[in-house]
Every structure is written in structure tokens, then in C-alpha cells.
PDB file of N, CA and C in Angstrom:
ATOM      1  N   MET A   1      -2.520 -49.058  69.708  1.00  0.00           N
ATOM      2  CA  MET A   1      -2.012 -49.350  68.390  1.00  0.00           C
ATOM      3  C   MET A   1      -0.504 -49.076  68.380  1.00  0.00           C
ATOM      4  N   ILE A   2       0.255 -49.983  67.791  1.00  0.00           N
ATOM      5  CA  ILE A   2       1.705 -49.823  67.675  1.00  0.00           C
ATOM      6  C   ILE A   2       2.015 -48.931  66.476  1.00  0.00           C
ATOM      7  N   ILE A   3       2.802 -47.901  66.712  1.00  0.00           N
ATOM      8  CA  ILE A   3       3.222 -46.994  65.644  1.00  0.00           C
ATOM      9  C   ILE A   3       4.601 -47.387  65.129  1.00  0.00           C
ATOM     10  N   CYS A   4       5.533 -47.621  66.036  1.00  0.00           N
ATOM     11  CA  CYS A   4       6.899 -48.012  65.662  1.00  0.00           C
ATOM     12  C   CYS A   4       7.086 -49.474  66.062  1.00  0.00           C
ATOM     13  N   ARG A   5       7.119 -50.342  65.069  1.00  0.00           N
ATOM     14  CA  ARG A   5       7.251 -51.775  65.357  1.00  0.00           C
ATOM     15  C   ARG A   5       8.635 -52.146  65.866  1.00  0.00           C
ATOM     16  N   CYS A   6       9.663 -51.498  65.352  1.00  0.00           N
ATOM     17  CA  CYS A   6      11.030 -51.840  65.764  1.00  0.00           C
ATOM     18  C   CYS A   6      11.254 -51.592  67.253  1.00  0.00           C
ATOM     19  N   GLU A   7      10.750 -50.468  67.755  1.00  0.00           N
ATOM     20  CA  GLU A   7      10.941 -50.107  69.160  1.00  0.00           C
ATOM     21  C   GLU A   7       9.681 -50.349  69.993  1.00  0.00           C
ATOM     22  N   GLU A   8       8.639 -50.894  69.373  1.00  0.00           N
ATOM     23  CA  GLU A   8       7.368 -51.218  70.044  1.00  0.00           C
ATOM     24  C   GLU A   8       6.780 -50.011  70.777  1.00  0.00           C
ATOM     25  N   VAL A   9       6.676 -48.883  70.056  1.00  0.00           N
ATOM     26  CA  VAL A   9       6.141 -47.647  70.629  1.00  0.00           C
ATOM     27  C   VAL A   9       4.673 -47.542  70.242  1.00  0.00           C
ATOM     28  N   LEU A  10       3.835 -47.316  71.240  1.00  0.00           N
ATOM     29  CA  LEU A  10       2.386 -47.232  71.041  1.00  0.00           C
ATOM     30  C   LEU A  10       1.952 -45.810  70.703  1.00  0.00           C
ATOM     31  N   LEU A  11       0.791 -45.698  70.056  1.00  0.00           N
ATOM     32  CA  LEU A  11       0.203 -44.399  69.758  1.00  0.00           C
ATOM     33  C   LEU A  11       0.016 -43.593  71.038  1.00  0.00           C
ATOM     34  N   SER A  12      -0.403 -44.226  72.106  1.00  0.00           N
ATOM     35  CA  SER A  12      -0.615 -43.515  73.373  1.00  0.00           C
ATOM     36  C   SER A  12       0.691 -42.909  73.893  1.00  0.00           C
ATOM     37  N   GLU A  13       1.820 -43.578  73.666  1.00  0.00           N
ATOM     38  CA  GLU A  13       3.113 -43.035  74.089  1.00  0.00           C
ATOM     39  C   GLU A  13       3.495 -41.809  73.249  1.00  0.00           C
ATOM     40  N   ILE A  14       3.176 -41.849  71.967  1.00  0.00           N
ATOM     41  CA  ILE A  14       3.439 -40.710  71.082  1.00  0.00           C
ATOM     42  C   ILE A  14       2.593 -39.526  71.531  1.00  0.00           C
ATOM     43  N   GLU A  15       1.313 -39.767  71.799  1.00  0.00           N
ATOM     44  CA  GLU A  15       0.422 -38.690  72.238  1.00  0.00           C
ATOM     45  C   GLU A  15       0.881 -38.101  73.574  1.00  0.00           C
ATOM     46  N   GLU A  16       1.360 -38.945  74.464  1.00  0.00           N
ATOM     47  CA  GLU A  16       1.864 -38.470  75.750  1.00  0.00           C
ATOM     48  C   GLU A  16       3.119 -37.600  75.551  1.00  0.00           C
ATOM     49  N   ALA A  17       3.989 -38.011  74.640  1.00  0.00           N
ATOM     50  CA  ALA A  17       5.194 -37.230  74.358  1.00  0.00           C
ATOM     51  C   ALA A  17       4.819 -35.855  73.817  1.00  0.00           C
ATOM     52  N   ILE A  18       3.782 -35.783  72.980  1.00  0.00           N
ATOM     53  CA  ILE A  18       3.330 -34.498  72.442  1.00  0.00           C
ATOM     54  C   ILE A  18       2.756 -33.636  73.570  1.00  0.00           C
ATOM     55  N   ARG A  19       1.982 -34.247  74.464  1.00  0.00           N
ATOM     56  CA  ARG A  19       1.447 -33.496  75.612  1.00  0.00           C
ATOM     57  C   ARG A  19       2.568 -32.985  76.509  1.00  0.00           C
ATOM     58  N   ASP A  20       3.670 -33.742  76.567  1.00  0.00           N
ATOM     59  CA  ASP A  20       4.804 -33.352  77.408  1.00  0.00           C
ATOM     60  C   ASP A  20       5.742 -32.353  76.729  1.00  0.00           C
ATOM     61  N   GLY A  21       5.398 -31.929  75.509  1.00  0.00           N
ATOM     62  CA  GLY A  21       6.181 -30.882  74.869  1.00  0.00           C
ATOM     63  C   GLY A  21       6.880 -31.233  73.568  1.00  0.00           C
ATOM     64  N   ALA A  22       6.810 -32.465  73.125  1.00  0.00           N
ATOM     65  CA  ALA A  22       7.432 -32.818  71.845  1.00  0.00           C
ATOM     66  C   ALA A  22       6.671 -32.121  70.724  1.00  0.00           C
ATOM     67  N   ALA A  23       7.369 -31.299  69.940  1.00  0.00           N
ATOM     68  CA  ALA A  23       6.715 -30.534  68.885  1.00  0.00           C
ATOM     69  C   ALA A  23       7.213 -30.903  67.494  1.00  0.00           C
ATOM     70  N   ASP A  24       8.139 -31.888  67.423  1.00  0.00           N
ATOM     71  CA  ASP A  24       8.649 -32.322  66.133  1.00  0.00           C
ATOM     72  C   ASP A  24       9.104 -33.778  66.239  1.00  0.00           C
ATOM     73  N   LEU A  25       9.575 -34.316  65.109  1.00  0.00           N
ATOM     74  CA  LEU A  25       9.983 -35.724  65.078  1.00  0.00           C
ATOM     75  C   LEU A  25      11.149 -36.001  66.022  1.00  0.00           C
ATOM     76  N   ASN A  26      12.102 -35.079  66.097  1.00  0.00           N
ATOM     77  CA  ASN A  26      13.232 -35.293  67.004  1.00  0.00           C
ATOM     78  C   ASN A  26      12.791 -35.334  68.458  1.00  0.00           C
ATOM     79  N   GLY A  27      11.822 -34.507  68.828  1.00  0.00           N
ATOM     80  CA  GLY A  27      11.307 -34.517  70.185  1.00  0.00           C
ATOM     81  C   GLY A  27      10.640 -35.840  70.524  1.00  0.00           C
ATOM     82  N   ILE A  28       9.899 -36.383  69.568  1.00  0.00           N
ATOM     83  CA  ILE A  28       9.255 -37.688  69.772  1.00  0.00           C
ATOM     84  C   ILE A  28      10.308 -38.776  69.874  1.00  0.00           C
ATOM     85  N   LYS A  29      11.322 -38.716  69.012  1.00  0.00           N
ATOM     86  CA  LYS A  29      12.394 -39.718  69.053  1.00  0.00           C
ATOM     87  C   LYS A  29      13.104 -39.711  70.402  1.00  0.00           C
ATOM     88  N   ARG A  30      13.395 -38.519  70.920  1.00  0.00           N
ATOM     89  CA  ARG A  30      14.088 -38.422  72.210  1.00  0.00           C
ATOM     90  C   ARG A  30      13.252 -38.972  73.358  1.00  0.00           C
ATOM     91  N   ARG A  31      11.958 -38.773  73.302  1.00  0.00           N
ATOM     92  CA  ARG A  31      11.098 -39.193  74.413  1.00  0.00           C
ATOM     93  C   ARG A  31      10.653 -40.651  74.321  1.00  0.00           C
ATOM     94  N   THR A  32      10.562 -41.194  73.092  1.00  0.00           N
ATOM     95  CA  THR A  32       9.974 -42.535  72.948  1.00  0.00           C
ATOM     96  C   THR A  32      10.858 -43.548  72.234  1.00  0.00           C
ATOM     97  N   ARG A  33      11.885 -43.123  71.524  1.00  0.00           N
ATOM     98  CA  ARG A  33      12.742 -43.949  70.668  1.00  0.00           C
ATOM     99  C   ARG A  33      12.040 -44.360  69.372  1.00  0.00           C
ATOM    100  N   ALA A  34      10.866 -43.845  69.100  1.00  0.00           N
ATOM    101  CA  ALA A  34      10.178 -44.143  67.835  1.00  0.00           C
ATOM    102  C   ALA A  34      11.034 -43.651  66.681  1.00  0.00           C
ATOM    103  N   GLY A  35      11.233 -44.488  65.677  1.00  0.00           N
ATOM    104  CA  GLY A  35      12.041 -44.130  64.528  1.00  0.00           C
ATOM    105  C   GLY A  35      13.521 -44.396  64.711  1.00  0.00           C
ATOM    106  N   MET A  36      13.909 -44.986  65.834  1.00  0.00           N
ATOM    107  CA  MET A  36      15.325 -45.231  66.097  1.00  0.00           C
ATOM    108  C   MET A  36      15.686 -46.714  66.031  1.00  0.00           C
ATOM    109  N   GLY A  37      14.775 -47.534  65.567  1.00  0.00           N
ATOM    110  CA  GLY A  37      15.017 -48.968  65.514  1.00  0.00           C
ATOM    111  C   GLY A  37      15.775 -49.393  64.272  1.00  0.00           C
ATOM    112  N   LEU A  38      15.691 -50.661  63.977  1.00  0.00           N
ATOM    113  CA  LEU A  38      16.429 -51.249  62.867  1.00  0.00           C
ATOM    114  C   LEU A  38      16.123 -50.581  61.527  1.00  0.00           C
ATOM    115  N   CYS A  39      14.865 -50.195  61.295  1.00  0.00           N
ATOM    116  CA  CYS A  39      14.505 -49.597  59.998  1.00  0.00           C
ATOM    117  C   CYS A  39      14.800 -48.106  59.937  1.00  0.00           C
ATOM    118  N   GLN A  40      15.237 -47.509  61.061  1.00  0.00           N
ATOM    119  CA  GLN A  40      15.577 -46.082  61.114  1.00  0.00           C
ATOM    120  C   GLN A  40      14.426 -45.180  60.644  1.00  0.00           C
ATOM    121  N   GLY A  41      13.192 -45.554  60.987  1.00  0.00           N
ATOM    122  CA  GLY A  41      12.033 -44.732  60.660  1.00  0.00           C
ATOM    123  C   GLY A  41      11.456 -44.954  59.279  1.00  0.00           C
ATOM    124  N   GLN A  42      12.000 -45.887  58.518  1.00  0.00           N
ATOM    125  CA  GLN A  42      11.475 -46.156  57.177  1.00  0.00           C
ATOM    126  C   GLN A  42      10.016 -46.592  57.223  1.00  0.00           C
ATOM    127  N   THR A  43       9.636 -47.291  58.272  1.00  0.00           N
ATOM    128  CA  THR A  43       8.277 -47.811  58.381  1.00  0.00           C
ATOM    129  C   THR A  43       7.338 -46.851  59.108  1.00  0.00           C
ATOM    130  N   CYS A  44       7.796 -46.225  60.172  1.00  0.00           N
ATOM    131  CA  CYS A  44       6.894 -45.465  61.038  1.00  0.00           C
ATOM    132  C   CYS A  44       6.903 -43.959  60.820  1.00  0.00           C
ATOM    133  N   ARG A  45       7.823 -43.435  60.069  1.00  0.00           N
ATOM    134  CA  ARG A  45       7.950 -41.982  59.944  1.00  0.00           C
ATOM    135  C   ARG A  45       6.662 -41.324  59.457  1.00  0.00           C
ATOM    136  N   ARG A  46       6.025 -41.891  58.449  1.00  0.00           N
ATOM    137  CA  ARG A  46       4.768 -41.305  57.939  1.00  0.00           C
ATOM    138  C   ARG A  46       3.692 -41.291  59.011  1.00  0.00           C
ATOM    139  N   HIS A  47       3.636 -42.348  59.827  1.00  0.00           N
ATOM    140  CA  HIS A  47       2.652 -42.393  60.909  1.00  0.00           C
ATOM    141  C   HIS A  47       2.957 -41.327  61.958  1.00  0.00           C
ATOM    142  N   LEU A  48       4.240 -41.186  62.300  1.00  0.00           N
ATOM    143  CA  LEU A  48       4.627 -40.165  63.267  1.00  0.00           C
ATOM    144  C   LEU A  48       4.292 -38.767  62.752  1.00  0.00           C
ATOM    145  N   GLU A  49       4.577 -38.510  61.487  1.00  0.00           N
ATOM    146  CA  GLU A  49       4.251 -37.210  60.898  1.00  0.00           C
ATOM    147  C   GLU A  49       2.749 -36.955  60.932  1.00  0.00           C
ATOM    148  N   GLY A  50       1.952 -37.989  60.643  1.00  0.00           N
ATOM    149  CA  GLY A  50       0.500 -37.845  60.665  1.00  0.00           C
ATOM    150  C   GLY A  50      -0.027 -37.535  62.054  1.00  0.00           C
ATOM    151  N   VAL A  51       0.525 -38.192  63.063  1.00  0.00           N
ATOM    152  CA  VAL A  51       0.094 -37.935  64.444  1.00  0.00           C
ATOM    153  C   VAL A  51       0.454 -36.499  64.833  1.00  0.00           C
ATOM    154  N   LEU A  52       1.666 -36.071  64.515  1.00  0.00           N
ATOM    155  CA  LEU A  52       2.073 -34.696  64.810  1.00  0.00           C
ATOM    156  C   LEU A  52       1.168 -33.691  64.107  1.00  0.00           C
ATOM    157  N   ARG A  53       0.905 -33.926  62.835  1.00  0.00           N
ATOM    158  CA  ARG A  53       0.062 -33.020  62.062  1.00  0.00           C
ATOM    159  C   ARG A  53      -1.340 -32.931  62.654  1.00  0.00           C
ATOM    160  N   SER A  54      -1.892 -34.070  63.055  1.00  0.00           N
ATOM    161  CA  SER A  54      -3.261 -34.057  63.584  1.00  0.00           C
ATOM    162  C   SER A  54      -3.336 -33.434  64.978  1.00  0.00           C
ATOM    163  N   LYS A  55      -2.308 -33.619  65.798  1.00  0.00           N
ATOM    164  CA  LYS A  55      -2.332 -33.093  67.169  1.00  0.00           C
ATOM    165  C   LYS A  55      -1.923 -31.625  67.245  1.00  0.00           C
ATOM    166  N   LEU A  56      -0.947 -31.214  66.414  1.00  0.00           N
ATOM    167  CA  LEU A  56      -0.430 -29.855  66.497  1.00  0.00           C
ATOM    168  C   LEU A  56      -0.900 -28.951  65.369  1.00  0.00           C
ATOM    169  N   GLY A  57      -1.356 -29.558  64.263  1.00  0.00           N
ATOM    170  CA  GLY A  57      -1.824 -28.765  63.136  1.00  0.00           C
ATOM    171  C   GLY A  57      -0.718 -28.105  62.342  1.00  0.00           C
ATOM    172  N   THR A  58       0.509 -28.534  62.542  1.00  0.00           N
ATOM    173  CA  THR A  58       1.641 -27.968  61.809  1.00  0.00           C
ATOM    174  C   THR A  58       2.436 -29.086  61.154  1.00  0.00           C
ATOM    175  N   PRO A  59       3.189 -28.777  60.098  1.00  0.00           N
ATOM    176  CA  PRO A  59       4.045 -29.811  59.511  1.00  0.00           C
ATOM    177  C   PRO A  59       5.129 -30.232  60.502  1.00  0.00           C
ATOM    178  N   PRO A  60       5.523 -31.498  60.493  1.00  0.00           N
ATOM    179  CA  PRO A  60       6.468 -32.011  61.487  1.00  0.00           C
ATOM    180  C   PRO A  60       7.900 -31.525  61.338  1.00  0.00           C
ATOM    181  N   GLY A  61       8.310 -31.055  60.183  1.00  0.00           N
ATOM    182  CA  GLY A  61       9.684 -30.597  59.994  1.00  0.00           C
ATOM    183  C   GLY A  61      10.651 -31.763  59.847  1.00  0.00           C
ATOM    184  N   PRO A  62      11.902 -31.457  59.540  1.00  0.00           N
ATOM    185  CA  PRO A  62      12.885 -32.522  59.316  1.00  0.00           C
ATOM    186  C   PRO A  62      13.318 -33.182  60.628  1.00  0.00           C
ATOM    187  N   ALA A  63      13.771 -34.404  60.508  1.00  0.00           N
ATOM    188  CA  ALA A  63      14.300 -35.148  61.660  1.00  0.00           C
ATOM    189  C   ALA A  63      15.745 -35.509  61.373  1.00  0.00           C
ATOM    190  N   SER A  64      16.524 -35.637  62.420  1.00  0.00           N
ATOM    191  CA  SER A  64      17.905 -36.056  62.225  1.00  0.00           C
ATOM    192  C   SER A  64      17.922 -37.517  61.811  1.00  0.00           C
ATOM    193  N   VAL A  65      18.782 -37.828  60.866  1.00  0.00           N
ATOM    194  CA  VAL A  65      18.886 -39.189  60.354  1.00  0.00           C
ATOM    195  C   VAL A  65      20.308 -39.670  60.579  1.00  0.00           C
ATOM    196  N   ARG A  66      20.421 -40.880  61.068  1.00  0.00           N
ATOM    197  CA  ARG A  66      21.738 -41.483  61.268  1.00  0.00           C
ATOM    198  C   ARG A  66      21.809 -42.761  60.443  1.00  0.00           C
ATOM    199  N   PRO A  67      22.961 -43.027  59.853  1.00  0.00           N
ATOM    200  CA  PRO A  67      23.064 -44.250  59.060  1.00  0.00           C
ATOM    201  C   PRO A  67      22.946 -45.478  59.949  1.00  0.00           C
ATOM    202  N   PRO A  68      22.430 -46.570  59.379  1.00  0.00           N
ATOM    203  CA  PRO A  68      22.326 -47.797  60.171  1.00  0.00           C
ATOM    204  C   PRO A  68      23.703 -48.338  60.553  1.00  0.00           C
ATOM    205  N   LEU A  69      23.717 -49.141  61.572  1.00  0.00           N
ATOM    206  CA  LEU A  69      24.960 -49.775  62.008  1.00  0.00           C
ATOM    207  C   LEU A  69      25.433 -50.767  60.966  1.00  0.00           C
ATOM    208  N   PHE A  70      26.708 -51.045  60.962  1.00  0.00           N
ATOM    209  CA  PHE A  70      27.243 -52.044  60.040  1.00  0.00           C
ATOM    210  C   PHE A  70      28.230 -52.916  60.806  1.00  0.00           C
ATOM    211  N   PRO A  71      28.387 -54.166  60.351  1.00  0.00           N
ATOM    212  CA  PRO A  71      29.292 -55.072  61.062  1.00  0.00           C
ATOM    213  C   PRO A  71      30.744 -54.669  60.868  1.00  0.00           C
ATOM    214  N   ILE A  72      31.545 -54.925  61.892  1.00  0.00           N
ATOM    215  CA  ILE A  72      32.979 -54.710  61.788  1.00  0.00           C
ATOM    216  C   ILE A  72      33.668 -56.035  62.080  1.00  0.00           C
ATOM    217  N   PRO A  73      34.838 -56.264  61.507  1.00  0.00           N
ATOM    218  CA  PRO A  73      35.531 -57.519  61.768  1.00  0.00           C
ATOM    219  C   PRO A  73      35.993 -57.599  63.226  1.00  0.00           C
ATOM    220  N   MET A  74      35.979 -58.790  63.784  1.00  0.00           N
ATOM    221  CA  MET A  74      36.403 -58.987  65.165  1.00  0.00           C
ATOM    222  C   MET A  74      37.854 -58.569  65.361  1.00  0.00           C
ATOM    223  N   GLU A  75      38.659 -58.680  64.328  1.00  0.00           N
ATOM    224  CA  GLU A  75      40.063 -58.269  64.402  1.00  0.00           C
ATOM    225  C   GLU A  75      40.172 -56.796  64.814  1.00  0.00           C
ATOM    226  N   ALA A  76      39.231 -55.961  64.345  1.00  0.00           N
ATOM    227  CA  ALA A  76      39.260 -54.546  64.687  1.00  0.00           C
ATOM    228  C   ALA A  76      39.003 -54.327  66.173  1.00  0.00           C
ATOM    229  N   VAL A  77      38.256 -55.220  66.791  1.00  0.00           N
ATOM    230  CA  VAL A  77      37.920 -55.082  68.210  1.00  0.00           C
ATOM    231  C   VAL A  77      38.958 -55.758  69.095  1.00  0.00           C
ATOM    232  N   THR A  78      39.372 -56.969  68.701  1.00  0.00           N
ATOM    233  CA  THR A  78      40.238 -57.771  69.567  1.00  0.00           C
ATOM    234  C   THR A  78      41.717 -57.664  69.235  1.00  0.00           C
ATOM    235  N   GLY A  79      42.030 -57.296  67.996  1.00  0.00           N
ATOM    236  CA  GLY A  79      43.416 -57.281  67.575  1.00  0.00           C
ATOM    237  C   GLY A  79      43.892 -58.661  67.137  1.00  0.00           C
ATOM    238  N   LEU A  80      43.040 -59.665  67.234  1.00  0.00           N
ATOM    239  CA  LEU A  80      43.388 -61.028  66.821  1.00  0.00           C
ATOM    240  C   LEU A  80      42.966 -61.249  65.381  1.00  0.00           C
ATOM    241  N   ARG A  81      43.765 -62.025  64.651  1.00  0.00           N
ATOM    242  CA  ARG A  81      43.396 -62.374  63.287  1.00  0.00           C
ATOM    243  C   ARG A  81      42.506 -63.603  63.307  1.00  0.00           C
ATOM    244  N   GLU A  82      41.649 -63.701  62.287  1.00  0.00           N
ATOM    245  CA  GLU A  82      40.806 -64.886  62.144  1.00  0.00           C
ATOM    246  C   GLU A  82      41.622 -66.012  61.532  1.00  0.00           C
ATOM    247  N   GLY A  83      41.223 -67.242  61.803  1.00  0.00           N
ATOM    248  CA  GLY A  83      41.882 -68.382  61.206  1.00  0.00           C
ATOM    249  C   GLY A  83      43.054 -68.873  62.030  1.00  0.00           C
ATOM    250  N   PRO A  84      43.751 -69.912  61.515  1.00  0.00           N
ATOM    251  CA  PRO A  84      44.880 -70.484  62.247  1.00  0.00           C
ATOM    252  C   PRO A  84      45.996 -69.458  62.408  1.00  0.00           C
ATOM    253  N   GLN A  85      46.611 -69.488  63.571  1.00  0.00           N
ATOM    254  CA  GLN A  85      47.688 -68.556  63.859  1.00  0.00           C
ATOM    255  C   GLN A  85      48.849 -69.306  64.484  1.00  0.00           C
ATOM    256  N   GLU A  86      50.014 -68.753  64.329  1.00  0.00           N
ATOM    257  CA  GLU A  86      51.195 -69.296  64.994  1.00  0.00           C
ATOM    258  C   GLU A  86      51.249 -68.676  66.395  1.00  0.00           C
ATOM    259  N   GLY A  87      51.878 -69.376  67.299  1.00  0.00           N
ATOM    260  CA  GLY A  87      52.045 -68.818  68.629  1.00  0.00           C
ATOM    261  C   GLY A  87      51.031 -69.411  69.614  1.00  0.00           C
ATOM    262  N   PRO A  88      50.989 -68.881  70.804  1.00  0.00           N
ATOM    263  CA  PRO A  88      50.124 -69.446  71.856  1.00  0.00           C
ATOM    264  C   PRO A  88      48.648 -69.260  71.525  1.00  0.00           C
ATOM    265  N   ARG A  89      47.854 -70.202  71.998  1.00  0.00           N
ATOM    266  CA  ARG A  89      46.415 -70.130  71.828  1.00  0.00           C
ATOM    267  C   ARG A  89      45.838 -69.268  72.945  1.00  0.00           C
ATOM    268  N   TRP A  90      44.586 -68.912  72.801  1.00  0.00           N
ATOM    269  CA  TRP A  90      43.898 -68.105  73.796  1.00  0.00           C
ATOM    270  C   TRP A  90      43.980 -68.777  75.159  1.00  0.00           C
ATOM    271  N   GLY A  91      44.426 -68.079  76.159  1.00  0.00           N
ATOM    272  CA  GLY A  91      44.517 -68.611  77.507  1.00  0.00           C
ATOM    273  C   GLY A  91      45.834 -69.306  77.805  1.00  0.00           C
ATOM    274  N   GLU A  92      46.632 -69.570  76.777  1.00  0.00           N
ATOM    275  CA  GLU A  92      47.933 -70.204  76.993  1.00  0.00           C
ATOM    276  C   GLU A  92      48.996 -69.115  77.042  1.00  0.00           C
ATOM    277  N   GLU A  93      50.031 -69.394  77.783  1.00  0.00           N
ATOM    278  CA  GLU A  93      51.108 -68.399  77.844  1.00  0.00           C
ATOM    279  C   GLU A  93      52.405 -69.015  77.477  1.00  0.00           C
TER     280      GLU A  93
END
């Protein structure tokens, strides 16, 4: 059964991570990437907490949360402005 759809992490992988020493959500994230996909755990976090609770018998505790990525303008990366420009074109000198 798939627990984390974004990273395609299976229940068996979560259980293996717990057997290997993962005792909280951060430990599972480090071992499997569950909760680190596009939804940032919005979809799978409750399932991960339930698996931890059932296997360890303790509450899962807080997990580190990082904001989702956001687009940046190409100008910030390349230094080139968008649109028509004066001067030489790309590849011309």
C-alpha cells in the first residue's frame, strides 16, 4: 500500500524504517522521503503518524516543516532580462 503518493513510499518501507530505528516523523522522512514531496506531508502525515503510533505505541511528536518551493524569475539566475534587448544576441559577440 502506498502511504506517500508524492514520493511513492510504501507501507513496507515505512515499517522497515521503523525497524531500522526511526522513532519519529523526522526519522521516517530521512530514511524514506515520505512527507517531503510536493504536498509537504499534507496528504500522508496522518497515515505516517498512525503507523508510528501502532508500531511504537507512542505519539509521533512534531516534524520539521519546510515551506514549499516557489518560482524565481530567470533574470535572477541568468542575469539576463526578459523580452527584447539592445546589444548582441545570445551566442553573438
